[in-house]
Amino acid sequence: MKKFYIVVRDNHRDKIMLAEQIRNSIVDKGGTCNYSVLGPDYEVPADTECILAIGGDGTVIRAAQNSFGSDIPLLGINYGHMGYLCDLDKDSVFSALDRLFKDDYDIEKRMMLNGYIKPAEDSTMRSPALNDIIIRSTEDQHVVRLSVYVNDEYLFAYDCDGIVISTPTGSTAYNLSAHGPIVNPETSLILLTPINPHTLNARSIVLDSEDIISVKLIPRNRDTDEKALVSFDGRHRRYLREDEKLIVSKANEVAKMVMLSKENFLDRIRNKMQA
């Protein structure tokens, strides 16, 4: 690898300084590099061989969304808190550059999700998610009734605050907060976890990665215009209404993560949980 692009979480002085130091180091080694603050307008050059994301897990996720379909590997540099998706920190990044230039690294392929709302949206214009797609109640509505179908077969109707549909990578995000299981991020499966379900027998469900999930909103009160809020990795928010359904499936594309650490999945989980 010799051609890099850096995305920075925000305009924080220390993060910008780190980005400039990394860029200068790459150029000194004979590579090419530029950087931008994370936002909707930056464009990664087509010949980029690696995107370096400075921030936390949210920065890596945004970079994955913005580069969706480009096949460019991502490497997270933790400047946040837990940093499950970040393999480096500000102290280890410079020694890691030598390994990147020597192509001494591994690539992990992470499953992603696609989703759209039918019939309001065109199925060809799906929104991607590396972590999760979340359907939840709005601010003026505390509980929603969501009916779930898997491959057009009825599964269950949840009275709940919402539902998390998660990838293995997202198992340590909202899915974990909602008491869903942690799974190896290199596996291929879909997790469905209700948020604060109003029943004792509602549990997280592990589904096959090839399953197609449909979620419909069932009005609890016919006198009000009920709706649920849908978000894709916390972005691209839109409303789900009674006459619509959310369709979620595995994306054809994957997110490629550059891995330099020799930690396995269990080591990583143990170390992060103790942080």
C-alpha atoms as a PDB file:
ATOM      1  CA  MET A   1       0.000   0.000   0.000  1.00  0.00           C
ATOM      2  CA  LYS A   2       1.258   3.448  -0.910  1.00  0.00           C
ATOM      3  CA  LYS A   3      -1.874   5.458  -1.712  1.00  0.00           C
ATOM      4  CA  PHE A   4      -3.889   6.565   1.309  1.00  0.00           C
ATOM      5  CA  TYR A   5      -6.759   8.860   2.204  1.00  0.00           C
ATOM      6  CA  ILE A   6      -7.459  10.055   5.756  1.00  0.00           C
ATOM      7  CA  VAL A   7     -10.887  10.978   7.106  1.00  0.00           C
ATOM      8  CA  VAL A   8     -11.019  12.823  10.432  1.00  0.00           C
ATOM      9  CA  ARG A   9     -13.997  12.830  12.792  1.00  0.00           C
ATOM     10  CA  ASP A  10     -14.091  16.604  13.275  1.00  0.00           C
ATOM     11  CA  ASN A  11     -12.021  19.780  13.249  1.00  0.00           C
ATOM     12  CA  HIS A  12     -10.520  19.109  16.676  1.00  0.00           C
ATOM     13  CA  ARG A  13      -6.999  20.565  16.636  1.00  0.00           C
ATOM     14  CA  ASP A  14      -5.249  17.434  17.931  1.00  0.00           C
ATOM     15  CA  LYS A  15      -6.959  15.186  15.390  1.00  0.00           C
ATOM     16  CA  ILE A  16      -6.102  17.504  12.506  1.00  0.00           C
ATOM     17  CA  MET A  17      -2.503  17.651  13.740  1.00  0.00           C
ATOM     18  CA  LEU A  18      -2.378  13.836  13.851  1.00  0.00           C
ATOM     19  CA  ALA A  19      -3.772  13.628  10.312  1.00  0.00           C
ATOM     20  CA  GLU A  20      -1.106  16.026   9.064  1.00  0.00           C
ATOM     21  CA  GLN A  21       1.633  14.078  10.824  1.00  0.00           C
ATOM     22  CA  ILE A  22       0.419  10.812   9.288  1.00  0.00           C
ATOM     23  CA  ARG A  23       0.181  12.404   5.838  1.00  0.00           C
ATOM     24  CA  ASN A  24       3.720  13.811   6.118  1.00  0.00           C
ATOM     25  CA  SER A  25       5.062  10.439   7.225  1.00  0.00           C
ATOM     26  CA  ILE A  26       3.389   8.697   4.286  1.00  0.00           C
ATOM     27  CA  VAL A  27       4.763  11.236   1.809  1.00  0.00           C
ATOM     28  CA  ASP A  28       8.258  10.911   3.323  1.00  0.00           C
ATOM     29  CA  LYS A  29       8.082   7.163   2.701  1.00  0.00           C
ATOM     30  CA  GLY A  30       7.246   7.737  -0.966  1.00  0.00           C
ATOM     31  CA  GLY A  31       3.486   7.380  -0.769  1.00  0.00           C
ATOM     32  CA  THR A  32       0.579   9.700  -1.519  1.00  0.00           C
ATOM     33  CA  CYS A  33      -2.004  10.916   0.956  1.00  0.00           C
ATOM     34  CA  ASN A  34      -4.599  13.587   1.531  1.00  0.00           C
ATOM     35  CA  TYR A  35      -7.225  14.088   4.220  1.00  0.00           C
ATOM     36  CA  SER A  36     -10.590  15.700   4.896  1.00  0.00           C
ATOM     37  CA  VAL A  37     -12.928  16.199   7.824  1.00  0.00           C
ATOM     38  CA  LEU A  38     -15.733  13.641   7.796  1.00  0.00           C
ATOM     39  CA  GLY A  39     -18.792  15.004   6.032  1.00  0.00           C
ATOM     40  CA  PRO A  40     -21.079  14.454   3.060  1.00  0.00           C
ATOM     41  CA  ASP A  41     -18.932  16.273   0.507  1.00  0.00           C
ATOM     42  CA  TYR A  42     -15.520  14.607   0.540  1.00  0.00           C
ATOM     43  CA  GLU A  43     -14.574  12.350  -2.373  1.00  0.00           C
ATOM     44  CA  VAL A  44     -12.018   9.561  -2.051  1.00  0.00           C
ATOM     45  CA  PRO A  45      -9.738   9.257  -5.127  1.00  0.00           C
ATOM     46  CA  ALA A  46     -10.500   6.112  -7.144  1.00  0.00           C
ATOM     47  CA  ASP A  47      -6.917   4.810  -6.887  1.00  0.00           C
ATOM     48  CA  THR A  48      -6.886   4.950  -3.070  1.00  0.00           C
ATOM     49  CA  GLU A  49      -5.583   1.710  -1.563  1.00  0.00           C
ATOM     50  CA  CYS A  50      -6.582   2.361   2.061  1.00  0.00           C
ATOM     51  CA  ILE A  51      -8.793   4.783   3.993  1.00  0.00           C
ATOM     52  CA  LEU A  52      -7.463   5.745   7.434  1.00  0.00           C
ATOM     53  CA  ALA A  53     -10.305   6.804   9.743  1.00  0.00           C
ATOM     54  CA  ILE A  54      -9.273   8.914  12.757  1.00  0.00           C
ATOM     55  CA  GLY A  55     -11.899   8.953  15.509  1.00  0.00           C
ATOM     56  CA  GLY A  56     -13.893   6.097  16.986  1.00  0.00           C
ATOM     57  CA  ASP A  57     -16.239   3.420  15.746  1.00  0.00           C
ATOM     58  CA  GLY A  58     -18.649   6.053  14.441  1.00  0.00           C
ATOM     59  CA  THR A  59     -15.952   7.481  12.189  1.00  0.00           C
ATOM     60  CA  VAL A  60     -15.169   4.055  10.732  1.00  0.00           C
ATOM     61  CA  ILE A  61     -18.873   3.405  10.142  1.00  0.00           C
ATOM     62  CA  ARG A  62     -19.353   6.748   8.379  1.00  0.00           C
ATOM     63  CA  ALA A  63     -16.295   6.070   6.236  1.00  0.00           C
ATOM     64  CA  ALA A  64     -17.708   2.647   5.336  1.00  0.00           C
ATOM     65  CA  GLN A  65     -21.031   4.202   4.314  1.00  0.00           C
ATOM     66  CA  ASN A  66     -19.397   6.951   2.273  1.00  0.00           C
ATOM     67  CA  SER A  67     -17.115   4.487   0.469  1.00  0.00           C
ATOM     68  CA  PHE A  68     -19.787   1.779   0.069  1.00  0.00           C
ATOM     69  CA  GLY A  69     -19.200  -0.274  -3.072  1.00  0.00           C
ATOM     70  CA  SER A  70     -15.694   1.109  -3.684  1.00  0.00           C
ATOM     71  CA  ASP A  71     -13.925  -2.017  -2.334  1.00  0.00           C
ATOM     72  CA  ILE A  72     -11.351   0.199  -0.571  1.00  0.00           C
ATOM     73  CA  PRO A  73     -10.125  -1.265   2.758  1.00  0.00           C
ATOM     74  CA  LEU A  74     -10.563   0.731   5.965  1.00  0.00           C
ATOM     75  CA  LEU A  75      -8.232   1.069   8.933  1.00  0.00           C
ATOM     76  CA  GLY A  76      -9.478   2.696  12.137  1.00  0.00           C
ATOM     77  CA  ILE A  77      -7.236   4.838  14.332  1.00  0.00           C
ATOM     78  CA  ASN A  78      -8.902   5.109  17.714  1.00  0.00           C
ATOM     79  CA  TYR A  79      -9.370   8.620  19.069  1.00  0.00           C
ATOM     80  CA  GLY A  80     -12.632   7.787  20.797  1.00  0.00           C
ATOM     81  CA  HIS A  81     -13.699   5.448  23.589  1.00  0.00           C
ATOM     82  CA  MET A  82     -14.208   1.705  23.069  1.00  0.00           C
ATOM     83  CA  GLY A  83     -13.004   1.538  19.467  1.00  0.00           C
ATOM     84  CA  TYR A  84     -14.127  -2.007  18.581  1.00  0.00           C
ATOM     85  CA  LEU A  85     -13.563  -1.221  14.901  1.00  0.00           C
ATOM     86  CA  CYS A  86     -10.206   0.502  15.387  1.00  0.00           C
ATOM     87  CA  ASP A  87      -7.051  -1.591  15.121  1.00  0.00           C
ATOM     88  CA  LEU A  88      -4.633   1.268  15.928  1.00  0.00           C
ATOM     89  CA  ASP A  89      -4.315   4.269  18.197  1.00  0.00           C
ATOM     90  CA  LYS A  90      -2.392   7.530  17.859  1.00  0.00           C
ATOM     91  CA  ASP A  91       0.720   5.978  19.428  1.00  0.00           C
ATOM     92  CA  SER A  92       0.896   2.873  17.227  1.00  0.00           C
ATOM     93  CA  VAL A  93      -0.066   4.310  13.851  1.00  0.00           C
ATOM     94  CA  PHE A  94       3.406   5.457  12.755  1.00  0.00           C
ATOM     95  CA  SER A  95       5.105   2.110  13.281  1.00  0.00           C
ATOM     96  CA  ALA A  96       2.143   0.489  11.518  1.00  0.00           C
ATOM     97  CA  LEU A  97       2.766   2.547   8.371  1.00  0.00           C
ATOM     98  CA  ASP A  98       5.950   0.560   7.709  1.00  0.00           C
ATOM     99  CA  ARG A  99       3.945  -2.669   7.729  1.00  0.00           C
ATOM    100  CA  LEU A 100       1.316  -1.193   5.415  1.00  0.00           C
ATOM    101  CA  PHE A 101       3.999  -0.171   2.921  1.00  0.00           C
ATOM    102  CA  LYS A 102       5.343  -3.744   3.049  1.00  0.00           C
ATOM    103  CA  ASP A 103       1.831  -5.190   2.598  1.00  0.00           C
ATOM    104  CA  ASP A 104       2.207  -6.908   5.968  1.00  0.00           C
ATOM    105  CA  TYR A 105      -1.427  -6.996   7.079  1.00  0.00           C
ATOM    106  CA  ASP A 106      -4.623  -9.053   6.925  1.00  0.00           C
ATOM    107  CA  ILE A 107      -8.031  -8.124   5.534  1.00  0.00           C
ATOM    108  CA  GLU A 108     -11.258  -8.961   7.364  1.00  0.00           C
ATOM    109  CA  LYS A 109     -14.422  -8.917   5.286  1.00  0.00           C
ATOM    110  CA  ARG A 110     -17.397  -7.618   7.238  1.00  0.00           C
ATOM    111  CA  MET A 111     -20.969  -8.324   6.210  1.00  0.00           C
ATOM    112  CA  MET A 112     -23.225  -5.313   5.601  1.00  0.00           C
ATOM    113  CA  LEU A 113     -26.994  -4.856   5.417  1.00  0.00           C
ATOM    114  CA  ASN A 114     -29.209  -3.139   2.874  1.00  0.00           C
ATOM    115  CA  GLY A 115     -32.641  -1.751   3.601  1.00  0.00           C
ATOM    116  CA  TYR A 116     -35.465   0.233   2.058  1.00  0.00           C
ATOM    117  CA  ILE A 117     -39.076   1.120   2.787  1.00  0.00           C
ATOM    118  CA  LYS A 118     -41.720  -0.312   0.460  1.00  0.00           C
ATOM    119  CA  PRO A 119     -43.645   1.062  -1.409  1.00  0.00           C
ATOM    120  CA  ALA A 120     -42.284   4.532  -0.669  1.00  0.00           C
ATOM    121  CA  GLU A 121     -38.791   3.797  -2.007  1.00  0.00           C
ATOM    122  CA  ASP A 122     -37.265   2.102  -5.015  1.00  0.00           C
ATOM    123  CA  SER A 123     -35.666  -1.234  -4.090  1.00  0.00           C
ATOM    124  CA  THR A 124     -32.621  -0.305  -6.187  1.00  0.00           C
ATOM    125  CA  MET A 125     -31.955   2.702  -3.904  1.00  0.00           C
ATOM    126  CA  ARG A 126     -31.178   0.790  -0.731  1.00  0.00           C
ATOM    127  CA  SER A 127     -29.381   2.331   2.243  1.00  0.00           C
ATOM    128  CA  PRO A 128     -26.361   0.387   3.550  1.00  0.00           C
ATOM    129  CA  ALA A 129     -25.444  -0.332   7.161  1.00  0.00           C
ATOM    130  CA  LEU A 130     -22.263  -1.815   8.611  1.00  0.00           C
ATOM    131  CA  ASN A 131     -23.613  -1.967  12.179  1.00  0.00           C
ATOM    132  CA  ASP A 132     -27.385  -2.002  12.231  1.00  0.00           C
ATOM    133  CA  ILE A 133     -30.758  -0.873  10.984  1.00  0.00           C
ATOM    134  CA  ILE A 134     -32.964   0.290  13.850  1.00  0.00           C
ATOM    135  CA  ILE A 135     -36.728   0.794  13.954  1.00  0.00           C
ATOM    136  CA  ARG A 136     -37.917   2.586  17.040  1.00  0.00           C
ATOM    137  CA  SER A 137     -40.701   4.681  18.494  1.00  0.00           C
ATOM    138  CA  THR A 138     -40.778   8.421  17.957  1.00  0.00           C
ATOM    139  CA  GLU A 139     -40.419  11.010  20.722  1.00  0.00           C
ATOM    140  CA  ASP A 140     -44.173  11.453  21.118  1.00  0.00           C
ATOM    141  CA  GLN A 141     -44.851   7.721  21.113  1.00  0.00           C
ATOM    142  CA  HIS A 142     -43.273   5.479  23.718  1.00  0.00           C
ATOM    143  CA  VAL A 143     -44.311   2.026  22.486  1.00  0.00           C
ATOM    144  CA  VAL A 144     -44.794   0.642  18.978  1.00  0.00           C
ATOM    145  CA  ARG A 145     -46.205  -2.647  17.742  1.00  0.00           C
ATOM    146  CA  LEU A 146     -43.952  -4.135  15.089  1.00  0.00           C
ATOM    147  CA  SER A 147     -44.858  -7.242  13.142  1.00  0.00           C
ATOM    148  CA  VAL A 148     -41.844  -9.189  11.816  1.00  0.00           C
ATOM    149  CA  TYR A 149     -41.766 -11.547   8.836  1.00  0.00           C
ATOM    150  CA  VAL A 150     -38.819 -13.692   7.706  1.00  0.00           C
ATOM    151  CA  ASN A 151     -38.879 -14.744   4.054  1.00  0.00           C
ATOM    152  CA  ASP A 152     -42.554 -13.671   3.990  1.00  0.00           C
ATOM    153  CA  GLU A 153     -43.369 -16.013   6.879  1.00  0.00           C
ATOM    154  CA  TYR A 154     -44.838 -14.424  10.005  1.00  0.00           C
ATOM    155  CA  LEU A 155     -42.486 -14.573  13.008  1.00  0.00           C
ATOM    156  CA  PHE A 156     -43.776 -12.420  15.855  1.00  0.00           C
ATOM    157  CA  ALA A 157     -45.426  -9.126  16.768  1.00  0.00           C
ATOM    158  CA  TYR A 158     -43.500  -7.108  19.335  1.00  0.00           C
ATOM    159  CA  ASP A 159     -44.885  -4.401  21.613  1.00  0.00           C
ATOM    160  CA  CYS A 160     -41.610  -2.629  22.284  1.00  0.00           C
ATOM    161  CA  ASP A 161     -39.573   0.557  22.055  1.00  0.00           C
ATOM    162  CA  GLY A 162     -38.101  -0.722  18.807  1.00  0.00           C
ATOM    163  CA  ILE A 163     -36.092  -3.453  17.078  1.00  0.00           C
ATOM    164  CA  VAL A 164     -32.379  -3.678  16.230  1.00  0.00           C
ATOM    165  CA  ILE A 165     -31.506  -5.586  13.053  1.00  0.00           C
ATOM    166  CA  SER A 166     -27.771  -6.051  13.360  1.00  0.00           C
ATOM    167  CA  THR A 167     -24.772  -7.425  11.507  1.00  0.00           C
ATOM    168  CA  PRO A 168     -22.106  -9.393  13.405  1.00  0.00           C
ATOM    169  CA  THR A 169     -19.989  -6.216  13.436  1.00  0.00           C
ATOM    170  CA  GLY A 170     -22.892  -4.353  15.046  1.00  0.00           C
ATOM    171  CA  SER A 171     -23.367  -6.982  17.744  1.00  0.00           C
ATOM    172  CA  THR A 172     -21.202  -4.876  20.096  1.00  0.00           C
ATOM    173  CA  ALA A 173     -23.204  -1.683  19.397  1.00  0.00           C
ATOM    174  CA  TYR A 174     -26.907  -1.050  20.117  1.00  0.00           C
ATOM    175  CA  ASN A 175     -27.568  -4.797  19.929  1.00  0.00           C
ATOM    176  CA  LEU A 176     -25.345  -5.261  22.992  1.00  0.00           C
ATOM    177  CA  SER A 177     -27.136  -2.467  24.875  1.00  0.00           C
ATOM    178  CA  ALA A 178     -30.443  -4.187  24.094  1.00  0.00           C
ATOM    179  CA  HIS A 179     -29.067  -7.439  25.641  1.00  0.00           C
ATOM    180  CA  GLY A 180     -28.426  -9.140  22.316  1.00  0.00           C
ATOM    181  CA  PRO A 181     -25.546 -11.613  21.879  1.00  0.00           C
ATOM    182  CA  ILE A 182     -21.967 -10.759  20.888  1.00  0.00           C
ATOM    183  CA  VAL A 183     -20.846 -12.691  17.827  1.00  0.00           C
ATOM    184  CA  ASN A 184     -17.624 -12.945  15.858  1.00  0.00           C
ATOM    185  CA  PRO A 185     -17.592 -10.046  13.344  1.00  0.00           C
ATOM    186  CA  GLU A 186     -16.256 -12.318  10.604  1.00  0.00           C
ATOM    187  CA  THR A 187     -19.345 -14.531  10.660  1.00  0.00           C
ATOM    188  CA  SER A 188     -22.278 -14.075   8.298  1.00  0.00           C
ATOM    189  CA  LEU A 189     -25.637 -13.852  10.051  1.00  0.00           C
ATOM    190  CA  ILE A 190     -28.339 -11.376  11.058  1.00  0.00           C
ATOM    191  CA  LEU A 191     -29.329 -10.567  14.639  1.00  0.00           C
ATOM    192  CA  LEU A 192     -32.840  -9.400  15.475  1.00  0.00           C
ATOM    193  CA  THR A 193     -33.137  -7.917  18.977  1.00  0.00           C
ATOM    194  CA  PRO A 194     -36.199  -6.149  20.444  1.00  0.00           C
ATOM    195  CA  ILE A 195     -35.620  -2.959  22.454  1.00  0.00           C
ATOM    196  CA  ASN A 196     -37.404  -3.033  25.828  1.00  0.00           C
ATOM    197  CA  PRO A 197     -40.054  -5.572  24.762  1.00  0.00           C
ATOM    198  CA  HIS A 198     -43.274  -5.489  26.789  1.00  0.00           C
ATOM    199  CA  THR A 199     -43.388  -9.263  27.172  1.00  0.00           C
ATOM    200  CA  LEU A 200     -41.317 -11.803  29.088  1.00  0.00           C
ATOM    201  CA  ASN A 201     -40.758 -14.246  26.209  1.00  0.00           C
ATOM    202  CA  ALA A 202     -39.247 -11.872  23.641  1.00  0.00           C
ATOM    203  CA  ARG A 203     -35.607 -12.735  23.006  1.00  0.00           C
ATOM    204  CA  SER A 204     -32.946 -11.912  20.476  1.00  0.00           C
ATOM    205  CA  ILE A 205     -33.064 -14.178  17.410  1.00  0.00           C
ATOM    206  CA  VAL A 206     -30.157 -15.253  15.199  1.00  0.00           C
ATOM    207  CA  LEU A 207     -31.137 -15.524  11.528  1.00  0.00           C
ATOM    208  CA  ASP A 208     -29.383 -16.799   8.445  1.00  0.00           C
ATOM    209  CA  SER A 209     -27.574 -14.128   6.442  1.00  0.00           C
ATOM    210  CA  GLU A 210     -29.635 -15.004   3.354  1.00  0.00           C
ATOM    211  CA  ASP A 211     -32.950 -14.375   5.120  1.00  0.00           C
ATOM    212  CA  ILE A 212     -35.048 -11.397   4.067  1.00  0.00           C
ATOM    213  CA  ILE A 213     -36.665  -9.545   6.966  1.00  0.00           C
ATOM    214  CA  SER A 214     -39.833  -7.478   6.638  1.00  0.00           C
ATOM    215  CA  VAL A 215     -41.127  -5.240   9.425  1.00  0.00           C
ATOM    216  CA  LYS A 216     -44.591  -3.671   9.442  1.00  0.00           C
ATOM    217  CA  LEU A 217     -46.006  -1.108  11.861  1.00  0.00           C
ATOM    218  CA  ILE A 218     -49.302  -2.185  13.449  1.00  0.00           C
ATOM    219  CA  PRO A 219     -51.237   0.829  14.835  1.00  0.00           C
ATOM    220  CA  ARG A 220     -52.093   0.565  18.516  1.00  0.00           C
ATOM    221  CA  ASN A 221     -54.446   3.536  18.368  1.00  0.00           C
ATOM    222  CA  ARG A 222     -56.558   4.133  15.280  1.00  0.00           C
ATOM    223  CA  ASP A 223     -57.222   7.726  16.335  1.00  0.00           C
ATOM    224  CA  THR A 224     -53.609   8.811  15.815  1.00  0.00           C
ATOM    225  CA  ASP A 225     -51.239   8.833  12.847  1.00  0.00           C
ATOM    226  CA  GLU A 226     -48.667   6.433  14.251  1.00  0.00           C
ATOM    227  CA  LYS A 227     -45.234   6.047  12.745  1.00  0.00           C
ATOM    228  CA  ALA A 228     -41.857   4.567  13.625  1.00  0.00           C
ATOM    229  CA  LEU A 229     -38.403   6.010  12.985  1.00  0.00           C
ATOM    230  CA  VAL A 230     -35.933   3.983  10.904  1.00  0.00           C
ATOM    231  CA  SER A 231     -32.186   4.702  10.865  1.00  0.00           C
ATOM    232  CA  PHE A 232     -29.263   3.087   9.057  1.00  0.00           C
ATOM    233  CA  ASP A 233     -26.137   3.162  11.220  1.00  0.00           C
ATOM    234  CA  GLY A 234     -27.728   6.156  12.929  1.00  0.00           C
ATOM    235  CA  ARG A 235     -28.117   8.059   9.630  1.00  0.00           C
ATOM    236  CA  HIS A 236     -30.513   8.338   6.667  1.00  0.00           C
ATOM    237  CA  ARG A 237     -33.470   8.572   9.031  1.00  0.00           C
ATOM    238  CA  ARG A 238     -36.973   8.159   7.668  1.00  0.00           C
ATOM    239  CA  TYR A 239     -40.437   7.236   8.928  1.00  0.00           C
ATOM    240  CA  LEU A 240     -42.183   3.870   8.626  1.00  0.00           C
ATOM    241  CA  ARG A 241     -45.984   4.222   8.393  1.00  0.00           C
ATOM    242  CA  GLU A 242     -48.895   1.811   8.597  1.00  0.00           C
ATOM    243  CA  ASP A 243     -49.190   1.106   4.863  1.00  0.00           C
ATOM    244  CA  GLU A 244     -45.447   0.517   4.387  1.00  0.00           C
ATOM    245  CA  LYS A 245     -42.908  -2.124   5.357  1.00  0.00           C
ATOM    246  CA  LEU A 246     -39.187  -2.071   5.951  1.00  0.00           C
ATOM    247  CA  ILE A 247     -37.280  -4.665   3.901  1.00  0.00           C
ATOM    248  CA  VAL A 248     -33.819  -5.696   5.150  1.00  0.00           C
ATOM    249  CA  SER A 249     -31.368  -8.146   3.566  1.00  0.00           C
ATOM    250  CA  LYS A 250     -27.660  -8.845   3.354  1.00  0.00           C
ATOM    251  CA  ALA A 251     -25.806  -6.461   1.059  1.00  0.00           C
ATOM    252  CA  ASN A 252     -23.874  -7.871  -1.896  1.00  0.00           C
ATOM    253  CA  GLU A 253     -20.975  -5.601  -0.911  1.00  0.00           C
ATOM    254  CA  VAL A 254     -18.751  -6.103   2.139  1.00  0.00           C
ATOM    255  CA  ALA A 255     -16.658  -3.705   4.213  1.00  0.00           C
ATOM    256  CA  LYS A 256     -12.974  -4.583   4.125  1.00  0.00           C
ATOM    257  CA  MET A 257     -11.115  -3.910   7.376  1.00  0.00           C
ATOM    258  CA  VAL A 258      -7.308  -3.794   7.505  1.00  0.00           C
ATOM    259  CA  MET A 259      -6.099  -5.800  10.497  1.00  0.00           C
ATOM    260  CA  LEU A 260      -2.584  -5.446  11.919  1.00  0.00           C
ATOM    261  CA  SER A 261      -3.103  -6.730  15.439  1.00  0.00           C
ATOM    262  CA  LYS A 262      -2.608 -10.425  16.162  1.00  0.00           C
ATOM    263  CA  GLU A 263      -5.437 -10.364  18.710  1.00  0.00           C
ATOM    264  CA  ASN A 264      -8.178 -12.855  17.985  1.00  0.00           C
ATOM    265  CA  PHE A 265     -11.869 -12.131  18.487  1.00  0.00           C
ATOM    266  CA  LEU A 266     -11.945 -13.348  22.108  1.00  0.00           C
ATOM    267  CA  ASP A 267      -8.829 -11.358  23.038  1.00  0.00           C
ATOM    268  CA  ARG A 268     -10.307  -8.228  21.508  1.00  0.00           C
ATOM    269  CA  ILE A 269     -13.631  -8.586  23.324  1.00  0.00           C
ATOM    270  CA  ARG A 270     -11.939  -9.283  26.659  1.00  0.00           C
ATOM    271  CA  ASN A 271      -9.623  -6.287  26.352  1.00  0.00           C
ATOM    272  CA  LYS A 272     -12.363  -3.888  25.233  1.00  0.00           C
ATOM    273  CA  MET A 273     -14.778  -5.015  27.943  1.00  0.00           C
ATOM    274  CA  GLN A 274     -12.138  -4.311  30.582  1.00  0.00           C
ATOM    275  CA  ALA A 275     -11.360  -0.847  29.174  1.00  0.00           C
END
